[in-house]
C-alpha atoms as a PDB file:
ATOM      1  CA  MET A   1     -36.921  65.636  -5.474  1.00  0.00           C
ATOM      2  CA  ARG A   2     -37.625  67.331  -2.494  1.00  0.00           C
ATOM      3  CA  THR A   3     -41.231  69.100  -1.920  1.00  0.00           C
ATOM      4  CA  GLU A   4     -42.026  72.329  -0.126  1.00  0.00           C
ATOM      5  CA  GLY A   5     -41.505  72.138   3.445  1.00  0.00           C
ATOM      6  CA  GLU A   6     -39.607  68.960   3.591  1.00  0.00           C
ATOM      7  CA  PRO A   7     -36.586  68.700   5.505  1.00  0.00           C
ATOM      8  CA  ALA A   8     -32.855  68.120   2.734  1.00  0.00           C
ATOM      9  CA  GLY A   9     -31.732  65.840   5.331  1.00  0.00           C
ATOM     10  CA  LEU A  10     -28.492  65.412   6.875  1.00  0.00           C
ATOM     11  CA  PRO A  11     -25.335  64.445   5.307  1.00  0.00           C
ATOM     12  CA  PHE A  12     -23.540  61.622   7.072  1.00  0.00           C
ATOM     13  CA  GLU A  13     -20.110  59.849   6.856  1.00  0.00           C
ATOM     14  CA  ARG A  14     -20.894  56.764   4.831  1.00  0.00           C
ATOM     15  CA  SER A  15     -16.958  55.663   4.159  1.00  0.00           C
ATOM     16  CA  ALA A  16     -16.349  51.895   4.813  1.00  0.00           C
ATOM     17  CA  GLU A  17     -14.481  53.226   7.962  1.00  0.00           C
ATOM     18  CA  VAL A  18     -17.342  54.320   9.555  1.00  0.00           C
ATOM     19  CA  LEU A  19     -19.703  52.040   8.158  1.00  0.00           C
ATOM     20  CA  ALA A  20     -17.620  48.634   9.721  1.00  0.00           C
ATOM     21  CA  ARG A  21     -18.354  50.625  13.006  1.00  0.00           C
ATOM     22  CA  VAL A  22     -21.964  50.730  12.821  1.00  0.00           C
ATOM     23  CA  ALA A  23     -24.556  48.598  14.234  1.00  0.00           C
ATOM     24  CA  ILE A  24     -28.049  50.138  12.597  1.00  0.00           C
ATOM     25  CA  LEU A  25     -28.630  52.867  10.386  1.00  0.00           C
ATOM     26  CA  ASN A  26     -32.199  54.337  10.962  1.00  0.00           C
ATOM     27  CA  LEU A  27     -33.362  56.603   7.602  1.00  0.00           C
ATOM     28  CA  THR A  28     -36.161  57.983   6.173  1.00  0.00           C
ATOM     29  CA  THR A  29     -36.365  57.398   2.171  1.00  0.00           C
ATOM     30  CA  ARG A  30     -38.949  59.102   0.403  1.00  0.00           C
ATOM     31  CA  HIS A  31     -40.741  56.283  -0.128  1.00  0.00           C
ATOM     32  CA  GLY A  32     -41.022  55.402   4.008  1.00  0.00           C
ATOM     33  CA  ASP A  33     -38.661  54.535   6.961  1.00  0.00           C
ATOM     34  CA  LEU A  34     -35.896  51.954   6.112  1.00  0.00           C
ATOM     35  CA  ASP A  35     -33.682  50.492   8.738  1.00  0.00           C
ATOM     36  CA  LEU A  36     -30.641  48.573   7.953  1.00  0.00           C
ATOM     37  CA  ALA A  37     -29.406  46.547  10.589  1.00  0.00           C
ATOM     38  CA  TYR A  38     -26.068  45.069   9.947  1.00  0.00           C
ATOM     39  CA  GLU A  39     -26.576  41.955  12.615  1.00  0.00           C
ATOM     40  CA  PRO A  40     -30.522  41.825  12.811  1.00  0.00           C
ATOM     41  CA  ALA A  41     -31.175  40.739  16.940  1.00  0.00           C
ATOM     42  CA  GLY A  42     -31.528  37.192  17.396  1.00  0.00           C
ATOM     43  CA  THR A  43     -29.225  36.093  14.472  1.00  0.00           C
ATOM     44  CA  HIS A  44     -25.680  35.947  13.327  1.00  0.00           C
ATOM     45  CA  GLY A  45     -25.751  38.054  10.445  1.00  0.00           C
ATOM     46  CA  TYR A  46     -25.596  37.921   6.735  1.00  0.00           C
ATOM     47  CA  THR A  47     -23.904  34.587   6.655  1.00  0.00           C
ATOM     48  CA  ASP A  48     -26.808  33.349   8.869  1.00  0.00           C
ATOM     49  CA  LEU A  49     -29.556  34.867   6.642  1.00  0.00           C
ATOM     50  CA  ARG A  50     -28.480  33.821   3.615  1.00  0.00           C
ATOM     51  CA  ARG A  51     -29.478  30.209   3.955  1.00  0.00           C
ATOM     52  CA  ALA A  52     -33.146  30.663   3.798  1.00  0.00           C
ATOM     53  CA  ALA A  53     -32.935  34.199   2.068  1.00  0.00           C
ATOM     54  CA  VAL A  54     -35.314  34.435  -1.396  1.00  0.00           C
ATOM     55  CA  GLU A  55     -34.924  36.543  -4.453  1.00  0.00           C
ATOM     56  CA  THR A  56     -37.480  38.773  -5.522  1.00  0.00           C
ATOM     57  CA  SER A  57     -38.029  41.441  -7.955  1.00  0.00           C
ATOM     58  CA  ILE A  58     -39.054  44.551  -7.370  1.00  0.00           C
ATOM     59  CA  ASP A  59     -39.700  47.137 -10.069  1.00  0.00           C
ATOM     60  CA  GLY A  60     -38.148  44.751 -12.663  1.00  0.00           C
ATOM     61  CA  THR A  61     -34.820  44.335 -10.173  1.00  0.00           C
ATOM     62  CA  THR A  62     -33.933  41.407  -8.215  1.00  0.00           C
ATOM     63  CA  VAL A  63     -33.285  41.655  -4.471  1.00  0.00           C
ATOM     64  CA  THR A  64     -32.363  38.979  -2.178  1.00  0.00           C
ATOM     65  CA  VAL A  65     -34.267  39.686   1.522  1.00  0.00           C
ATOM     66  CA  ALA A  66     -34.307  37.581   4.652  1.00  0.00           C
ATOM     67  CA  ALA A  67     -36.230  34.884   5.350  1.00  0.00           C
ATOM     68  CA  LEU A  68     -40.193  35.729   6.792  1.00  0.00           C
ATOM     69  CA  GLU A  69     -39.514  33.325   9.276  1.00  0.00           C
ATOM     70  CA  ASP A  70     -36.316  34.512   9.646  1.00  0.00           C
ATOM     71  CA  VAL A  71     -37.730  38.130  10.525  1.00  0.00           C
ATOM     72  CA  ILE A  72     -40.245  36.930  12.626  1.00  0.00           C
ATOM     73  CA  ARG A  73     -37.272  35.313  14.737  1.00  0.00           C
ATOM     74  CA  SER A  74     -35.301  39.026  14.880  1.00  0.00           C
ATOM     75  CA  LYS A  75     -38.404  41.061  15.760  1.00  0.00           C
ATOM     76  CA  ARG A  76     -39.060  38.675  18.398  1.00  0.00           C
ATOM     77  CA  ALA A  77     -35.341  38.598  19.764  1.00  0.00           C
ATOM     78  CA  ALA A  78     -35.901  42.404  19.809  1.00  0.00           C
ATOM     79  CA  ALA A  79     -38.912  42.701  21.159  1.00  0.00           C
ATOM     80  CA  ARG A  80     -39.124  46.417  20.747  1.00  0.00           C
ATOM     81  CA  ASP A  81     -41.944  48.188  23.044  1.00  0.00           C
ATOM     82  CA  ARG A  82     -42.974  50.425  19.557  1.00  0.00           C
ATOM     83  CA  ASP A  83     -43.627  47.362  17.835  1.00  0.00           C
ATOM     84  CA  PRO A  84     -45.678  44.038  19.514  1.00  0.00           C
ATOM     85  CA  LEU A  85     -47.701  43.609  17.166  1.00  0.00           C
ATOM     86  CA  VAL A  86     -45.162  42.631  14.196  1.00  0.00           C
ATOM     87  CA  PRO A  87     -44.127  39.834  15.574  1.00  0.00           C
ATOM     88  CA  PRO A  88     -47.860  38.159  15.859  1.00  0.00           C
ATOM     89  CA  THR A  89     -48.771  39.986  13.099  1.00  0.00           C
ATOM     90  CA  LEU A  90     -45.963  37.992  10.879  1.00  0.00           C
ATOM     91  CA  GLU A  91     -46.646  34.771  12.546  1.00  0.00           C
ATOM     92  CA  ARG A  92     -50.341  35.220  10.997  1.00  0.00           C
ATOM     93  CA  LEU A  93     -48.987  35.430   7.368  1.00  0.00           C
ATOM     94  CA  LEU A  94     -46.509  32.899   7.513  1.00  0.00           C
ATOM     95  CA  GLU A  95     -49.543  30.523   8.509  1.00  0.00           C
ATOM     96  CA  ARG A  96     -51.458  31.891   5.557  1.00  0.00           C
ATOM     97  CA  LEU A  97     -49.305  31.420   2.880  1.00  0.00           C
ATOM     98  CA  GLU A  98     -47.798  28.183   4.838  1.00  0.00           C
ATOM     99  CA  ARG A  99     -51.903  27.268   3.807  1.00  0.00           C
ATOM    100  CA  ARG A 100     -51.540  28.014   0.054  1.00  0.00           C
ATOM    101  CA  GLU A 101     -48.631  26.089  -0.676  1.00  0.00           C
END
């Protein structure tokens, strides 16, 4: 549900033919920004990322997400100017998680 003053958004073609030609979608949702990359930098896409992917539950729905190591690898390969602190922050998180295990 939209609130007063919030943009309605833009319609876009989401047919299989159009989406097959798209490399990344940058979306804004009511929960925040969502970037969908079909072949994230530094990876070979789904098959590559699926090997180490983990399943987790979000509000009772099981979802499969890329392993933190793969997210770090992709962020490093992308080397975007807009988020230079993301890879080192994720690496520190990974170190903390590994120490807990």
